[in-house]
Amino acid sequence: MKGPFEVQAINNEFEVLATFLGIADDDQERSQIEVHSKQDGICKFKHNGELYSVARMQLLTGVKTAYEFNSNWYAIQR
């Protein structure tokens, strides 16, 4: 019996932010995104001096910026 594949999990919130910033395909720019924290499902990132909160839509209510990724809706708040 074979063991499980070693597949790195996708950080959906990080990918949503990279897509929002237009740098999803730019490895150098992606490396500029700093991961600050993840608490109660809300991830905080910093890019070019700007702080962003990214989470599933139901966790960031009232935010109008929404993106679909991996069959879920995510909100981004500055």
Protein backbone atom coordinates (compact mmCIF):
# COMPACT_ATOMS: atom_id res chain seq x y z
CA MET A 1 0.00 0.00 0.00
CA LYS A 2 1.35 3.41 -0.97
CA GLY A 3 1.53 6.29 1.48
CA PRO A 4 -0.24 9.63 0.96
CA PHE A 5 1.06 12.09 -1.60
CA GLU A 6 3.00 15.02 -0.22
CA VAL A 7 0.91 17.89 -1.56
CA GLN A 8 1.31 21.29 -0.01
CA ALA A 9 -2.05 22.72 1.07
CA ILE A 10 -3.27 25.83 -0.70
CA ASN A 11 -3.50 28.93 1.44
CA ASN A 12 -6.74 30.18 -0.10
CA GLU A 13 -6.63 33.58 1.62
CA PHE A 14 -3.09 34.24 0.36
CA GLU A 15 -4.07 33.24 -3.18
CA VAL A 16 -7.17 35.44 -3.10
CA LEU A 17 -5.08 38.44 -2.04
CA ALA A 18 -2.45 37.76 -4.73
CA THR A 19 -5.22 37.61 -7.33
CA PHE A 20 -6.81 40.82 -5.97
CA LEU A 21 -3.45 42.61 -6.17
CA GLY A 22 -2.88 41.33 -9.72
CA ILE A 23 0.32 39.49 -8.79
CA ALA A 24 -0.88 35.88 -8.81
CA ASP A 25 1.64 34.91 -11.51
CA ASP A 26 4.57 37.05 -10.30
CA ASP A 27 6.71 35.07 -7.87
CA GLN A 28 8.87 38.07 -6.97
CA GLU A 29 5.86 40.24 -6.06
CA ARG A 30 4.15 37.35 -4.23
CA SER A 31 7.20 37.05 -2.01
CA GLN A 32 6.57 40.65 -0.90
CA ILE A 33 3.31 39.67 0.81
CA GLU A 34 3.95 39.40 4.56
CA VAL A 35 1.76 37.04 6.57
CA HIS A 36 0.87 38.73 9.87
CA SER A 37 -1.69 36.55 11.63
CA LYS A 38 -4.63 34.20 11.32
CA GLN A 39 -7.27 34.42 14.02
CA ASP A 40 -10.84 33.17 13.96
CA GLY A 41 -10.54 32.44 10.23
CA ILE A 42 -9.42 35.97 9.33
CA CYS A 43 -5.94 36.23 7.82
CA LYS A 44 -4.01 39.48 7.95
CA PHE A 45 -1.36 40.32 5.37
CA LYS A 46 0.82 43.31 4.57
CA HIS A 47 1.90 44.30 1.07
CA ASN A 48 3.70 47.53 0.15
CA GLY A 49 2.85 49.08 3.52
CA GLU A 50 -0.87 48.32 3.23
CA LEU A 51 -2.62 45.96 5.67
CA TYR A 52 -5.27 43.57 4.31
CA SER A 53 -7.72 41.22 6.03
CA VAL A 54 -8.91 38.26 3.98
CA ALA A 55 -11.54 35.71 5.02
CA ARG A 56 -14.57 33.85 3.81
CA MET A 57 -17.48 36.19 3.17
CA GLN A 58 -19.46 35.09 6.23
CA LEU A 59 -16.57 36.12 8.52
CA LEU A 60 -16.10 39.65 7.11
CA THR A 61 -19.68 40.82 6.89
CA GLY A 62 -20.39 44.20 5.36
CA VAL A 63 -17.38 44.04 3.03
CA LYS A 64 -18.32 44.57 -0.62
CA THR A 65 -15.09 43.30 -2.21
CA ALA A 66 -15.69 39.60 -2.88
CA TYR A 67 -13.78 37.03 -4.92
CA GLU A 68 -14.59 33.44 -5.73
CA PHE A 69 -11.76 30.97 -5.21
CA ASN A 70 -11.86 27.18 -4.79
CA SER A 71 -15.68 27.15 -4.77
CA ASN A 72 -15.90 29.65 -1.89
CA TRP A 73 -16.45 33.40 -1.68
CA TYR A 74 -13.79 35.49 0.07
CA ALA A 75 -13.88 39.10 1.27
CA ILE A 76 -10.94 41.51 1.33
CA GLN A 77 -10.80 44.49 3.65
CA ARG A 78 -8.11 47.19 3.76
